[in-house]
Amino acid sequence: MTRRCWLTAASSAPDVDQVRGLWRAARAAGEPRWYLDLIARIGRQAAAVPPRAGS
């Protein structure tokens, strides 16, 4: 998966657990730390947003 795809997938992930899984997969793929930090930032933002009604 390209770097752009990891970020796109993390941005559209339905919950923070999904972002964590993507972070682990990106790490296993050998992405650099600075890039993993970008994915983690998306996860922190997702965790800060309250769940949507009906989700």
C-alpha atoms as a PDB file:
ATOM      1  CA  MET A   1       0.000   0.000   0.000  1.00  0.00           C
ATOM      2  CA  THR A   2       1.370   3.432  -0.835  1.00  0.00           C
ATOM      3  CA  ARG A   3       1.747   6.125   1.771  1.00  0.00           C
ATOM      4  CA  ARG A   4      -1.179   8.042   0.402  1.00  0.00           C
ATOM      5  CA  CYS A   5      -3.385   4.952   0.687  1.00  0.00           C
ATOM      6  CA  TRP A   6      -2.514   4.444   4.392  1.00  0.00           C
ATOM      7  CA  LEU A   7      -3.533   8.001   5.200  1.00  0.00           C
ATOM      8  CA  THR A   8      -6.702   7.788   3.121  1.00  0.00           C
ATOM      9  CA  ALA A   9      -7.684   4.530   4.796  1.00  0.00           C
ATOM     10  CA  ALA A  10      -6.998   5.953   8.256  1.00  0.00           C
ATOM     11  CA  SER A  11      -8.980   9.107   7.502  1.00  0.00           C
ATOM     12  CA  SER A  12     -12.007   7.122   6.372  1.00  0.00           C
ATOM     13  CA  ALA A  13     -11.803   4.462   9.100  1.00  0.00           C
ATOM     14  CA  PRO A  14     -15.077   4.132  11.027  1.00  0.00           C
ATOM     15  CA  ASP A  15     -13.420   3.980  14.456  1.00  0.00           C
ATOM     16  CA  VAL A  16     -10.150   4.336  16.297  1.00  0.00           C
ATOM     17  CA  ASP A  17      -9.646   0.550  16.476  1.00  0.00           C
ATOM     18  CA  GLN A  18      -9.576   0.421  12.697  1.00  0.00           C
ATOM     19  CA  VAL A  19      -6.945   3.188  12.654  1.00  0.00           C
ATOM     20  CA  ARG A  20      -4.856   1.209  15.149  1.00  0.00           C
ATOM     21  CA  GLY A  21      -4.972  -1.786  12.847  1.00  0.00           C
ATOM     22  CA  LEU A  22      -3.880   0.344   9.914  1.00  0.00           C
ATOM     23  CA  TRP A  23      -1.029   1.789  12.012  1.00  0.00           C
ATOM     24  CA  ARG A  24       0.148  -1.748  12.821  1.00  0.00           C
ATOM     25  CA  ALA A  25      -0.049  -2.789   9.184  1.00  0.00           C
ATOM     26  CA  ALA A  26       1.893   0.306   8.072  1.00  0.00           C
ATOM     27  CA  ARG A  27       4.534  -0.411  10.711  1.00  0.00           C
ATOM     28  CA  ALA A  28       4.813  -4.026   9.546  1.00  0.00           C
ATOM     29  CA  ALA A  29       5.206  -2.724   5.980  1.00  0.00           C
ATOM     30  CA  GLY A  30       8.249  -0.749   7.108  1.00  0.00           C
ATOM     31  CA  GLU A  31       6.862   2.787   6.928  1.00  0.00           C
ATOM     32  CA  PRO A  32       9.091   5.362   8.648  1.00  0.00           C
ATOM     33  CA  ARG A  33       8.322   6.693  12.123  1.00  0.00           C
ATOM     34  CA  TRP A  34       7.311  10.164  10.891  1.00  0.00           C
ATOM     35  CA  TYR A  35       4.680   8.576   8.673  1.00  0.00           C
ATOM     36  CA  LEU A  36       3.375   6.365  11.474  1.00  0.00           C
ATOM     37  CA  ASP A  37       3.065   9.526  13.561  1.00  0.00           C
ATOM     38  CA  LEU A  38       0.744  10.998  10.908  1.00  0.00           C
ATOM     39  CA  ILE A  39      -1.479   7.937  11.082  1.00  0.00           C
ATOM     40  CA  ALA A  40      -1.439   8.106  14.890  1.00  0.00           C
ATOM     41  CA  ARG A  41      -2.515  11.758  14.752  1.00  0.00           C
ATOM     42  CA  ILE A  42      -5.553  10.732  12.688  1.00  0.00           C
ATOM     43  CA  GLY A  43      -6.333   8.086  15.313  1.00  0.00           C
ATOM     44  CA  ARG A  44      -6.109  10.584  18.155  1.00  0.00           C
ATOM     45  CA  GLN A  45      -8.438  12.929  16.314  1.00  0.00           C
ATOM     46  CA  ALA A  46     -10.910  10.086  15.716  1.00  0.00           C
ATOM     47  CA  ALA A  47     -10.790   9.159  19.421  1.00  0.00           C
ATOM     48  CA  ALA A  48     -11.576  12.754  20.419  1.00  0.00           C
ATOM     49  CA  VAL A  49     -14.742  12.915  18.309  1.00  0.00           C
ATOM     50  CA  PRO A  50     -17.851  11.604  20.066  1.00  0.00           C
ATOM     51  CA  PRO A  51     -19.559   8.670  18.313  1.00  0.00           C
ATOM     52  CA  ARG A  52     -22.344   9.516  15.883  1.00  0.00           C
ATOM     53  CA  ALA A  53     -25.929   8.799  16.852  1.00  0.00           C
ATOM     54  CA  GLY A  54     -26.976   5.417  15.594  1.00  0.00           C
ATOM     55  CA  SER A  55     -23.396   4.160  15.195  1.00  0.00           C
END
